[in-house]
Amino acid sequence: EFSMLDTVDGLAPRPIQWGNHRFPWILMEYVTGEHPSDFDENFADRMA
């Protein structure tokens, strides 16, 4: 997941650091926004 986040710069939270000591973890950027609730043409447009 850290590798994928690092690859898709600007389309996902920016990864900061990861570790795998006993239990795996990632620190990443906190991204704000609204979850979609209307699955209409505007929604399809943005996802396209």
All heavy atoms as atom14 arrays in JSON, in Angstrom:
{
  "sequence": "EFSMLDTVDGLAPRPIQWGNHRFPWILMEYVTGEHPSDFDENFADRMA",
  "atom14_mask": [
    [1, 1, 1, 1, 1, 1, 1, 1, 1, 0, 0, 0, 0, 0],
    [1, 1, 1, 1, 1, 1, 1, 1, 1, 1, 1, 0, 0, 0],
    [1, 1, 1, 1, 1, 1, 0, 0, 0, 0, 0, 0, 0, 0],
    [1, 1, 1, 1, 1, 1, 1, 1, 0, 0, 0, 0, 0, 0],
    [1, 1, 1, 1, 1, 1, 1, 1, 0, 0, 0, 0, 0, 0],
    [1, 1, 1, 1, 1, 1, 1, 1, 0, 0, 0, 0, 0, 0],
    [1, 1, 1, 1, 1, 1, 1, 0, 0, 0, 0, 0, 0, 0],
    [1, 1, 1, 1, 1, 1, 1, 0, 0, 0, 0, 0, 0, 0],
    [1, 1, 1, 1, 1, 1, 1, 1, 0, 0, 0, 0, 0, 0],
    [1, 1, 1, 1, 0, 0, 0, 0, 0, 0, 0, 0, 0, 0],
    [1, 1, 1, 1, 1, 1, 1, 1, 0, 0, 0, 0, 0, 0],
    [1, 1, 1, 1, 1, 0, 0, 0, 0, 0, 0, 0, 0, 0],
    [1, 1, 1, 1, 1, 1, 1, 0, 0, 0, 0, 0, 0, 0],
    [1, 1, 1, 1, 1, 1, 1, 1, 1, 1, 1, 0, 0, 0],
    [1, 1, 1, 1, 1, 1, 1, 0, 0, 0, 0, 0, 0, 0],
    [1, 1, 1, 1, 1, 1, 1, 1, 0, 0, 0, 0, 0, 0],
    [1, 1, 1, 1, 1, 1, 1, 1, 1, 0, 0, 0, 0, 0],
    [1, 1, 1, 1, 1, 1, 1, 1, 1, 1, 1, 1, 1, 1],
    [1, 1, 1, 1, 0, 0, 0, 0, 0, 0, 0, 0, 0, 0],
    [1, 1, 1, 1, 1, 1, 1, 1, 0, 0, 0, 0, 0, 0],
    [1, 1, 1, 1, 1, 1, 1, 1, 1, 1, 0, 0, 0, 0],
    [1, 1, 1, 1, 1, 1, 1, 1, 1, 1, 1, 0, 0, 0],
    [1, 1, 1, 1, 1, 1, 1, 1, 1, 1, 1, 0, 0, 0],
    [1, 1, 1, 1, 1, 1, 1, 0, 0, 0, 0, 0, 0, 0],
    [1, 1, 1, 1, 1, 1, 1, 1, 1, 1, 1, 1, 1, 1],
    [1, 1, 1, 1, 1, 1, 1, 1, 0, 0, 0, 0, 0, 0],
    [1, 1, 1, 1, 1, 1, 1, 1, 0, 0, 0, 0, 0, 0],
    [1, 1, 1, 1, 1, 1, 1, 1, 0, 0, 0, 0, 0, 0],
    [1, 1, 1, 1, 1, 1, 1, 1, 1, 0, 0, 0, 0, 0],
    [1, 1, 1, 1, 1, 1, 1, 1, 1, 1, 1, 1, 0, 0],
    [1, 1, 1, 1, 1, 1, 1, 0, 0, 0, 0, 0, 0, 0],
    [1, 1, 1, 1, 1, 1, 1, 0, 0, 0, 0, 0, 0, 0],
    [1, 1, 1, 1, 0, 0, 0, 0, 0, 0, 0, 0, 0, 0],
    [1, 1, 1, 1, 1, 1, 1, 1, 1, 0, 0, 0, 0, 0],
    [1, 1, 1, 1, 1, 1, 1, 1, 1, 1, 0, 0, 0, 0],
    [1, 1, 1, 1, 1, 1, 1, 0, 0, 0, 0, 0, 0, 0],
    [1, 1, 1, 1, 1, 1, 0, 0, 0, 0, 0, 0, 0, 0],
    [1, 1, 1, 1, 1, 1, 1, 1, 0, 0, 0, 0, 0, 0],
    [1, 1, 1, 1, 1, 1, 1, 1, 1, 1, 1, 0, 0, 0],
    [1, 1, 1, 1, 1, 1, 1, 1, 0, 0, 0, 0, 0, 0],
    [1, 1, 1, 1, 1, 1, 1, 1, 1, 0, 0, 0, 0, 0],
    [1, 1, 1, 1, 1, 1, 1, 1, 0, 0, 0, 0, 0, 0],
    [1, 1, 1, 1, 1, 1, 1, 1, 1, 1, 1, 0, 0, 0],
    [1, 1, 1, 1, 1, 0, 0, 0, 0, 0, 0, 0, 0, 0],
    [1, 1, 1, 1, 1, 1, 1, 1, 0, 0, 0, 0, 0, 0],
    [1, 1, 1, 1, 1, 1, 1, 1, 1, 1, 1, 0, 0, 0],
    [1, 1, 1, 1, 1, 1, 1, 1, 0, 0, 0, 0, 0, 0],
    [1, 1, 1, 1, 1, 0, 0, 0, 0, 0, 0, 0, 0, 0]
  ],
  "atom14_positions": [
    [[0.82, -1.2, 0.0], [0.0, 0.0, 0.0], [0.86, 1.25, 0.0], [0.55, 2.23, -0.69], [-0.96, 0.04, 1.18], [-1.83, 1.29, 1.15], [-3.05, 1.25, 2.04], [-3.16, 0.32, 2.85], [-3.91, 2.14, 1.91], [0.0, 0.0, 0.0], [0.0, 0.0, 0.0], [0.0, 0.0, 0.0], [0.0, 0.0, 0.0], [0.0, 0.0, 0.0]],
    [[1.94, 1.24, 0.76], [2.82, 2.41, 0.78], [3.37, 2.68, -0.62], [3.43, 3.82, -1.07], [3.97, 2.2, 1.77], [4.8, 3.43, 2.01], [4.51, 4.27, 3.08], [5.87, 3.77, 1.19], [5.25, 5.42, 3.32], [6.62, 4.91, 1.41], [6.31, 5.74, 2.48], [0.0, 0.0, 0.0], [0.0, 0.0, 0.0], [0.0, 0.0, 0.0]],
    [[3.75, 1.61, -1.32], [4.27, 1.75, -2.68], [3.22, 2.33, -3.62], [3.52, 3.19, -4.45], [4.74, 0.39, -3.19], [5.11, 0.45, -4.54], [0.0, 0.0, 0.0], [0.0, 0.0, 0.0], [0.0, 0.0, 0.0], [0.0, 0.0, 0.0], [0.0, 0.0, 0.0], [0.0, 0.0, 0.0], [0.0, 0.0, 0.0], [0.0, 0.0, 0.0]],
    [[1.97, 1.87, -3.5], [0.9, 2.39, -4.35], [0.64, 3.86, -4.05], [0.48, 4.68, -4.97], [-0.38, 1.58, -4.15], [-0.34, 0.15, -4.66], [-0.22, -0.01, -6.47], [1.56, -0.25, -6.67], [0.0, 0.0, 0.0], [0.0, 0.0, 0.0], [0.0, 0.0, 0.0], [0.0, 0.0, 0.0], [0.0, 0.0, 0.0], [0.0, 0.0, 0.0]],
    [[0.58, 4.24, -2.77], [0.36, 5.64, -2.41], [1.48, 6.52, -2.95], [1.25, 7.64, -3.41], [0.3, 5.77, -0.88], [-0.93, 5.19, -0.19], [-0.74, 5.22, 1.33], [-2.19, 5.96, -0.57], [0.0, 0.0, 0.0], [0.0, 0.0, 0.0], [0.0, 0.0, 0.0], [0.0, 0.0, 0.0], [0.0, 0.0, 0.0], [0.0, 0.0, 0.0]],
    [[2.68, 6.01, -2.92], [3.83, 6.78, -3.4], [3.8, 6.93, -4.91], [4.36, 7.89, -5.46], [5.11, 6.06, -2.95], [6.31, 6.99, -2.95], [6.16, 8.18, -2.61], [7.42, 6.52, -3.28], [0.0, 0.0, 0.0], [0.0, 0.0, 0.0], [0.0, 0.0, 0.0], [0.0, 0.0, 0.0], [0.0, 0.0, 0.0], [0.0, 0.0, 0.0]],
    [[3.14, 6.0, -5.6], [3.09, 6.01, -7.06], [2.03, 6.98, -7.59], [2.23, 7.59, -8.64], [2.79, 4.59, -7.59], [3.83, 3.7, -7.15], [2.72, 4.57, -9.11], [0.0, 0.0, 0.0], [0.0, 0.0, 0.0], [0.0, 0.0, 0.0], [0.0, 0.0, 0.0], [0.0, 0.0, 0.0], [0.0, 0.0, 0.0], [0.0, 0.0, 0.0]],
    [[0.93, 7.13, -6.87], [-0.22, 7.9, -7.38], [-0.24, 9.3, -6.77], [-1.27, 9.75, -6.26], [-1.55, 7.16, -7.13], [-1.57, 5.87, -7.92], [-1.75, 6.87, -5.64], [0.0, 0.0, 0.0], [0.0, 0.0, 0.0], [0.0, 0.0, 0.0], [0.0, 0.0, 0.0], [0.0, 0.0, 0.0], [0.0, 0.0, 0.0], [0.0, 0.0, 0.0]],
    [[0.84, 9.99, -6.84], [0.99, 11.31, -6.23], [-0.13, 12.26, -6.66], [-0.42, 12.41, -7.84], [2.35, 11.89, -6.65], [2.62, 13.24, -6.01], [2.34, 13.38, -4.82], [3.1, 14.14, -6.72], [0.0, 0.0, 0.0], [0.0, 0.0, 0.0], [0.0, 0.0, 0.0], [0.0, 0.0, 0.0], [0.0, 0.0, 0.0], [0.0, 0.0, 0.0]],
    [[-0.79, 12.88, -5.68], [-1.85, 13.83, -5.96], [-3.23, 13.24, -6.07], [-4.23, 13.96, -6.06], [0.0, 0.0, 0.0], [0.0, 0.0, 0.0], [0.0, 0.0, 0.0], [0.0, 0.0, 0.0], [0.0, 0.0, 0.0], [0.0, 0.0, 0.0], [0.0, 0.0, 0.0], [0.0, 0.0, 0.0], [0.0, 0.0, 0.0], [0.0, 0.0, 0.0]],
    [[-3.32, 11.92, -6.17], [-4.62, 11.24, -6.3], [-5.0, 10.47, -5.05], [-6.07, 9.88, -4.97], [-4.59, 10.28, -7.49], [-4.28, 10.91, -8.86], [-4.14, 9.83, -9.92], [-5.37, 11.91, -9.24], [0.0, 0.0, 0.0], [0.0, 0.0, 0.0], [0.0, 0.0, 0.0], [0.0, 0.0, 0.0], [0.0, 0.0, 0.0], [0.0, 0.0, 0.0]],
    [[-4.11, 10.5, -4.07], [-4.29, 9.75, -2.83], [-3.56, 10.49, -1.72], [-2.76, 11.4, -1.98], [-3.74, 8.34, -2.98], [0.0, 0.0, 0.0], [0.0, 0.0, 0.0], [0.0, 0.0, 0.0], [0.0, 0.0, 0.0], [0.0, 0.0, 0.0], [0.0, 0.0, 0.0], [0.0, 0.0, 0.0], [0.0, 0.0, 0.0], [0.0, 0.0, 0.0]],
    [[-3.79, 10.13, -0.47], [-3.03, 10.75, 0.61], [-1.53, 10.52, 0.44], [-1.09, 9.44, 0.03], [-3.55, 10.02, 1.87], [-4.9, 9.52, 1.49], [-4.8, 9.17, 0.03], [0.0, 0.0, 0.0], [0.0, 0.0, 0.0], [0.0, 0.0, 0.0], [0.0, 0.0, 0.0], [0.0, 0.0, 0.0], [0.0, 0.0, 0.0], [0.0, 0.0, 0.0]],
    [[-0.76, 11.53, 0.75], [0.7, 11.42, 0.65], [1.22, 10.52, 1.77], [0.97, 10.75, 2.95], [1.33, 12.81, 0.77], [2.86, 12.84, 0.85], [3.36, 14.26, 0.99], [2.75, 14.94, 2.13], [3.25, 14.88, 3.38], [4.33, 14.15, 3.64], [2.64, 15.54, 4.36], [0.0, 0.0, 0.0], [0.0, 0.0, 0.0], [0.0, 0.0, 0.0]],
    [[1.95, 9.45, 1.43], [2.49, 8.57, 2.47], [3.68, 9.23, 3.17], [4.47, 9.92, 2.53], [2.92, 7.33, 1.7], [3.28, 7.84, 0.34], [2.32, 9.0, 0.07], [0.0, 0.0, 0.0], [0.0, 0.0, 0.0], [0.0, 0.0, 0.0], [0.0, 0.0, 0.0], [0.0, 0.0, 0.0], [0.0, 0.0, 0.0], [0.0, 0.0, 0.0]],
    [[3.8, 9.03, 4.47], [4.87, 9.65, 5.25], [5.92, 8.62, 5.67], [7.11, 8.8, 5.42], [4.28, 10.35, 6.5], [3.32, 11.46, 6.07], [5.41, 10.92, 7.37], [2.52, 12.07, 7.21], [0.0, 0.0, 0.0], [0.0, 0.0, 0.0], [0.0, 0.0, 0.0], [0.0, 0.0, 0.0], [0.0, 0.0, 0.0], [0.0, 0.0, 0.0]],
    [[5.46, 7.54, 6.28], [6.38, 6.51, 6.75], [5.61, 5.23, 7.01], [4.4, 5.26, 7.24], [7.09, 6.97, 8.03], [8.29, 6.12, 8.43], [9.17, 6.83, 9.46], [9.16, 8.05, 9.54], [9.92, 6.08, 10.22], [0.0, 0.0, 0.0], [0.0, 0.0, 0.0], [0.0, 0.0, 0.0], [0.0, 0.0, 0.0], [0.0, 0.0, 0.0]],
    [[6.32, 4.11, 6.95], [5.67, 2.84, 7.27], [6.6, 1.98, 8.1], [7.81, 2.2, 8.14], [5.23, 2.09, 6.0], [6.37, 1.52, 5.17], [7.11, 2.19, 4.25], [6.88, 0.18, 5.21], [8.07, 1.35, 3.69], [7.94, 0.12, 4.27], [6.56, -0.96, 5.94], [8.66, -1.06, 4.04], [7.28, -2.12, 5.71], [8.3, -2.16, 4.77]],
    [[6.01, 1.02, 8.8], [6.8, 0.11, 9.61], [6.1, -1.23, 9.72], [4.9, -1.35, 9.47], [0.0, 0.0, 0.0], [0.0, 0.0, 0.0], [0.0, 0.0, 0.0], [0.0, 0.0, 0.0], [0.0, 0.0, 0.0], [0.0, 0.0, 0.0], [0.0, 0.0, 0.0], [0.0, 0.0, 0.0], [0.0, 0.0, 0.0], [0.0, 0.0, 0.0]],
    [[6.83, -2.24, 10.12], [6.25, -3.58, 10.18], [6.8, -4.35, 11.37], [7.16, -5.51, 11.27], [6.53, -4.33, 8.88], [5.6, -5.51, 8.68], [4.56, -5.6, 9.31], [5.97, -6.43, 7.82], [0.0, 0.0, 0.0], [0.0, 0.0, 0.0], [0.0, 0.0, 0.0], [0.0, 0.0, 0.0], [0.0, 0.0, 0.0], [0.0, 0.0, 0.0]],
    [[6.88, -3.69, 12.51], [7.36, -4.33, 13.72], [6.17, -4.91, 14.47], [5.39, -4.2, 15.08], [8.1, -3.32, 14.61], [8.58, -3.9, 15.9], [9.45, -4.96, 15.96], [8.28, -3.59, 17.17], [9.69, -5.26, 17.22], [8.98, -4.44, 17.98], [0.0, 0.0, 0.0], [0.0, 0.0, 0.0], [0.0, 0.0, 0.0], [0.0, 0.0, 0.0]],
    [[6.0, -6.21, 14.4], [4.87, -6.95, 14.98], [3.56, -6.69, 14.25], [2.92, -7.62, 13.78], [4.73, -6.65, 16.48], [5.86, -7.25, 17.3], [5.56, -7.16, 18.79], [5.5, -5.79, 19.25], [5.23, -5.44, 20.5], [4.94, -6.37, 21.39], [5.22, -4.17, 20.86], [0.0, 0.0, 0.0], [0.0, 0.0, 0.0], [0.0, 0.0, 0.0]],
    [[3.16, -5.42, 14.14], [1.95, -5.08, 13.4], [2.27, -3.98, 12.39], [2.9, -2.98, 12.73], [0.85, -4.6, 14.34], [0.34, -5.68, 15.26], [0.75, -5.72, 16.57], [-0.54, -6.64, 14.79], [0.3, -6.72, 17.42], [-1.0, -7.64, 15.63], [-0.58, -7.68, 16.94], [0.0, 0.0, 0.0], [0.0, 0.0, 0.0], [0.0, 0.0, 0.0]],
    [[1.85, -4.16, 11.12], [2.17, -3.17, 10.08], [1.39, -1.88, 10.26], [0.24, -1.89, 10.7], [1.78, -3.88, 8.79], [0.75, -4.88, 9.19], [1.11, -5.31, 10.58], [0.0, 0.0, 0.0], [0.0, 0.0, 0.0], [0.0, 0.0, 0.0], [0.0, 0.0, 0.0], [0.0, 0.0, 0.0], [0.0, 0.0, 0.0], [0.0, 0.0, 0.0]],
    [[2.02, -0.76, 9.89], [1.36, 0.54, 10.01], [1.9, 1.49, 8.95], [3.01, 1.34, 8.44], [1.57, 1.15, 11.4], [3.02, 1.26, 11.81], [3.75, 0.34, 12.53], [3.92, 2.33, 11.53], [5.04, 0.77, 12.7], [5.17, 2.0, 12.1], [3.79, 3.55, 10.84], [6.29, 2.83, 12.0], [4.9, 4.37, 10.74], [6.13, 4.01, 11.32]],
    [[1.07, 2.49, 8.62], [1.46, 3.58, 7.72], [1.01, 4.9, 8.34], [-0.11, 5.01, 8.83], [0.79, 3.46, 6.33], [1.3, 2.24, 5.56], [1.07, 4.7, 5.49], [0.63, 2.08, 4.2], [0.0, 0.0, 0.0], [0.0, 0.0, 0.0], [0.0, 0.0, 0.0], [0.0, 0.0, 0.0], [0.0, 0.0, 0.0], [0.0, 0.0, 0.0]],
    [[1.88, 5.88, 8.28], [1.49, 7.26, 8.55], [1.31, 7.95, 7.21], [2.13, 7.79, 6.31], [2.55, 8.0, 9.36], [2.66, 7.68, 10.86], [3.79, 8.49, 11.47], [1.35, 7.95, 11.58], [0.0, 0.0, 0.0], [0.0, 0.0, 0.0], [0.0, 0.0, 0.0], [0.0, 0.0, 0.0], [0.0, 0.0, 0.0], [0.0, 0.0, 0.0]],
    [[0.22, 8.71, 7.08], [-0.05, 9.38, 5.81], [-0.73, 10.72, 6.05], [-1.22, 11.01, 7.15], [-0.9, 8.5, 4.91], [-2.31, 8.25, 5.41], [-3.21, 7.03, 4.4], [-2.57, 5.5, 5.09], [0.0, 0.0, 0.0], [0.0, 0.0, 0.0], [0.0, 0.0, 0.0], [0.0, 0.0, 0.0], [0.0, 0.0, 0.0], [0.0, 0.0, 0.0]],
    [[-0.78, 11.49, 5.01], [-1.45, 12.79, 5.02], [-2.94, 12.62, 5.34], [-3.57, 11.65, 4.93], [-1.27, 13.42, 3.64], [-2.06, 14.67, 3.37], [-2.0, 15.08, 1.91], [-1.7, 14.23, 1.05], [-2.26, 16.27, 1.64], [0.0, 0.0, 0.0], [0.0, 0.0, 0.0], [0.0, 0.0, 0.0], [0.0, 0.0, 0.0], [0.0, 0.0, 0.0]],
    [[-3.5, 13.58, 6.06], [-4.94, 13.63, 6.3], [-5.58, 14.48, 5.21], [-5.27, 15.66, 5.07], [-5.23, 14.22, 7.68], [-6.7, 14.4, 7.97], [-7.6, 13.34, 7.83], [-7.2, 15.63, 8.38], [-8.95, 13.5, 8.1], [-8.55, 15.81, 8.66], [-9.42, 14.73, 8.51], [-10.76, 14.9, 8.78], [0.0, 0.0, 0.0], [0.0, 0.0, 0.0]],
    [[-6.46, 13.88, 4.43], [-7.12, 14.56, 3.32], [-8.57, 14.83, 3.68], [-9.28, 13.95, 4.17], [-7.06, 13.7, 2.04], [-7.8, 14.39, 0.9], [-5.61, 13.43, 1.64], [0.0, 0.0, 0.0], [0.0, 0.0, 0.0], [0.0, 0.0, 0.0], [0.0, 0.0, 0.0], [0.0, 0.0, 0.0], [0.0, 0.0, 0.0], [0.0, 0.0, 0.0]],
    [[-9.01, 16.06, 3.45], [-10.4, 16.41, 3.74], [-11.23, 16.45, 2.46], [-10.69, 16.61, 1.36], [-10.49, 17.78, 4.44], [-9.94, 18.78, 3.58], [-9.74, 17.76, 5.76], [0.0, 0.0, 0.0], [0.0, 0.0, 0.0], [0.0, 0.0, 0.0], [0.0, 0.0, 0.0], [0.0, 0.0, 0.0], [0.0, 0.0, 0.0], [0.0, 0.0, 0.0]],
    [[-12.51, 16.3, 2.61], [-13.42, 16.34, 1.46], [-14.76, 15.74, 1.85], [-14.95, 15.3, 2.99], [0.0, 0.0, 0.0], [0.0, 0.0, 0.0], [0.0, 0.0, 0.0], [0.0, 0.0, 0.0], [0.0, 0.0, 0.0], [0.0, 0.0, 0.0], [0.0, 0.0, 0.0], [0.0, 0.0, 0.0], [0.0, 0.0, 0.0], [0.0, 0.0, 0.0]],
    [[-15.68, 15.7, 0.89], [-17.01, 15.16, 1.12], [-17.15, 13.81, 0.41], [-16.75, 13.66, -0.75], [-18.08, 16.12, 0.6], [-18.11, 17.47, 1.3], [-18.59, 17.36, 2.74], [-19.41, 16.44, 3.02], [-18.16, 18.18, 3.57], [0.0, 0.0, 0.0], [0.0, 0.0, 0.0], [0.0, 0.0, 0.0], [0.0, 0.0, 0.0], [0.0, 0.0, 0.0]],
    [[-17.71, 12.85, 1.11], [-18.04, 11.58, 0.46], [-19.26, 11.79, -0.44], [-20.19, 12.51, -0.07], [-18.36, 10.51, 1.5], [-17.21, 10.17, 2.4], [-16.04, 9.64, 1.92], [-17.06, 10.31, 3.75], [-15.21, 9.45, 2.94], [-15.81, 9.86, 4.06], [0.0, 0.0, 0.0], [0.0, 0.0, 0.0], [0.0, 0.0, 0.0], [0.0, 0.0, 0.0]],
    [[-19.28, 11.18, -1.62], [-20.42, 11.37, -2.52], [-21.69, 10.76, -1.95], [-21.65, 9.71, -1.29], [-19.98, 10.65, -3.8], [-18.98, 9.64, -3.33], [-18.27, 10.28, -2.18], [0.0, 0.0, 0.0], [0.0, 0.0, 0.0], [0.0, 0.0, 0.0], [0.0, 0.0, 0.0], [0.0, 0.0, 0.0], [0.0, 0.0, 0.0], [0.0, 0.0, 0.0]],
    [[-22.81, 11.43, -2.19], [-24.11, 10.91, -1.76], [-25.1, 10.84, -2.92], [-26.08, 10.1, -2.86], [-24.69, 11.78, -0.64], [-24.8, 13.13, -1.05], [0.0, 0.0, 0.0], [0.0, 0.0, 0.0], [0.0, 0.0, 0.0], [0.0, 0.0, 0.0], [0.0, 0.0, 0.0], [0.0, 0.0, 0.0], [0.0, 0.0, 0.0], [0.0, 0.0, 0.0]],
    [[-24.84, 11.62, -3.96], [-25.68, 11.59, -5.16], [-24.89, 10.96, -6.3], [-23.89, 11.5, -6.75], [-26.11, 13.01, -5.56], [-26.98, 13.66, -4.49], [-27.83, 12.95, -3.93], [-26.79, 14.86, -4.22], [0.0, 0.0, 0.0], [0.0, 0.0, 0.0], [0.0, 0.0, 0.0], [0.0, 0.0, 0.0], [0.0, 0.0, 0.0], [0.0, 0.0, 0.0]],
    [[-25.35, 9.8, -6.75], [-24.61, 9.07, -7.78], [-25.2, 9.39, -9.14], [-25.81, 8.56, -9.81], [-24.63, 7.58, -7.44], [-24.17, 7.31, -6.03], [-25.03, 6.77, -5.1], [-22.89, 7.67, -5.64], [-24.62, 6.54, -3.8], [-22.47, 7.46, -4.33], [-23.33, 6.9, -3.4], [0.0, 0.0, 0.0], [0.0, 0.0, 0.0], [0.0, 0.0, 0.0]],
    [[-24.97, 10.64, -9.55], [-25.56, 11.18, -10.75], [-24.49, 11.43, -11.81], [-23.36, 10.95, -11.71], [-26.32, 12.46, -10.43], [-25.44, 13.47, -9.66], [-24.2, 13.27, -9.61], [-25.98, 14.45, -9.13], [0.0, 0.0, 0.0], [0.0, 0.0, 0.0], [0.0, 0.0, 0.0], [0.0, 0.0, 0.0], [0.0, 0.0, 0.0], [0.0, 0.0, 0.0]],
    [[-24.85, 12.23, -12.8], [-23.92, 12.5, -13.9], [-22.68, 13.24, -13.41], [-21.56, 12.96, -13.86], [-24.61, 13.3, -15.0], [-23.69, 13.57, -16.2], [-24.41, 14.31, -17.32], [-25.61, 14.56, -17.18], [-23.74, 14.61, -18.32], [0.0, 0.0, 0.0], [0.0, 0.0, 0.0], [0.0, 0.0, 0.0], [0.0, 0.0, 0.0], [0.0, 0.0, 0.0]],
    [[-22.85, 14.17, -12.5], [-21.69, 14.89, -11.98], [-20.74, 13.95, -11.26], [-19.51, 14.05, -11.4], [-22.15, 15.99, -11.01], [-20.98, 16.76, -10.43], [-20.22, 17.41, -11.15], [-20.83, 16.7, -9.11], [0.0, 0.0, 0.0], [0.0, 0.0, 0.0], [0.0, 0.0, 0.0], [0.0, 0.0, 0.0], [0.0, 0.0, 0.0], [0.0, 0.0, 0.0]],
    [[-21.29, 13.02, -10.49], [-20.47, 12.01, -9.82], [-19.72, 11.16, -10.84], [-18.5, 10.96, -10.73], [-21.38, 11.12, -8.96], [-20.72, 9.88, -8.43], [-19.71, 9.97, -7.47], [-21.11, 8.63, -8.88], [-19.11, 8.82, -6.97], [-20.51, 7.48, -8.4], [-19.51, 7.57, -7.44], [0.0, 0.0, 0.0], [0.0, 0.0, 0.0], [0.0, 0.0, 0.0]],
    [[-20.42, 10.68, -11.85], [-19.78, 9.86, -12.89], [-18.71, 10.65, -13.62], [-17.64, 10.13, -13.95], [-20.84, 9.35, -13.87], [0.0, 0.0, 0.0], [0.0, 0.0, 0.0], [0.0, 0.0, 0.0], [0.0, 0.0, 0.0], [0.0, 0.0, 0.0], [0.0, 0.0, 0.0], [0.0, 0.0, 0.0], [0.0, 0.0, 0.0], [0.0, 0.0, 0.0]],
    [[-18.99, 11.94, -13.88], [-18.04, 12.81, -14.55], [-16.73, 12.92, -13.77], [-15.63, 12.8, -14.32], [-18.64, 14.21, -14.69], [-18.71, 14.66, -16.14], [-18.49, 13.81, -17.02], [-18.98, 15.84, -16.37], [0.0, 0.0, 0.0], [0.0, 0.0, 0.0], [0.0, 0.0, 0.0], [0.0, 0.0, 0.0], [0.0, 0.0, 0.0], [0.0, 0.0, 0.0]],
    [[-16.85, 13.18, -12.48], [-15.66, 13.37, -11.66], [-14.86, 12.07, -11.55], [-13.62, 12.09, -11.57], [-16.04, 13.88, -10.27], [-16.65, 15.26, -10.28], [-16.73, 15.88, -8.92], [-15.4, 16.18, -8.36], [-15.19, 16.98, -7.33], [-16.21, 17.57, -6.73], [-13.97, 17.19, -6.87], [0.0, 0.0, 0.0], [0.0, 0.0, 0.0], [0.0, 0.0, 0.0]],
    [[-15.56, 10.96, -11.44], [-14.85, 9.69, -11.35], [-14.22, 9.3, -12.69], [-13.14, 8.7, -12.72], [-15.8, 8.6, -10.87], [-16.26, 8.78, -9.42], [-14.87, 8.93, -8.25], [-14.1, 7.32, -8.46], [0.0, 0.0, 0.0], [0.0, 0.0, 0.0], [0.0, 0.0, 0.0], [0.0, 0.0, 0.0], [0.0, 0.0, 0.0], [0.0, 0.0, 0.0]],
    [[-14.86, 9.66, -13.78], [-14.26, 9.41, -15.1], [-12.95, 10.17, -15.22], [-11.95, 9.64, -15.7], [-15.23, 9.82, -16.2], [0.0, 0.0, 0.0], [0.0, 0.0, 0.0], [0.0, 0.0, 0.0], [0.0, 0.0, 0.0], [0.0, 0.0, 0.0], [0.0, 0.0, 0.0], [0.0, 0.0, 0.0], [0.0, 0.0, 0.0], [0.0, 0.0, 0.0]]
  ]
}
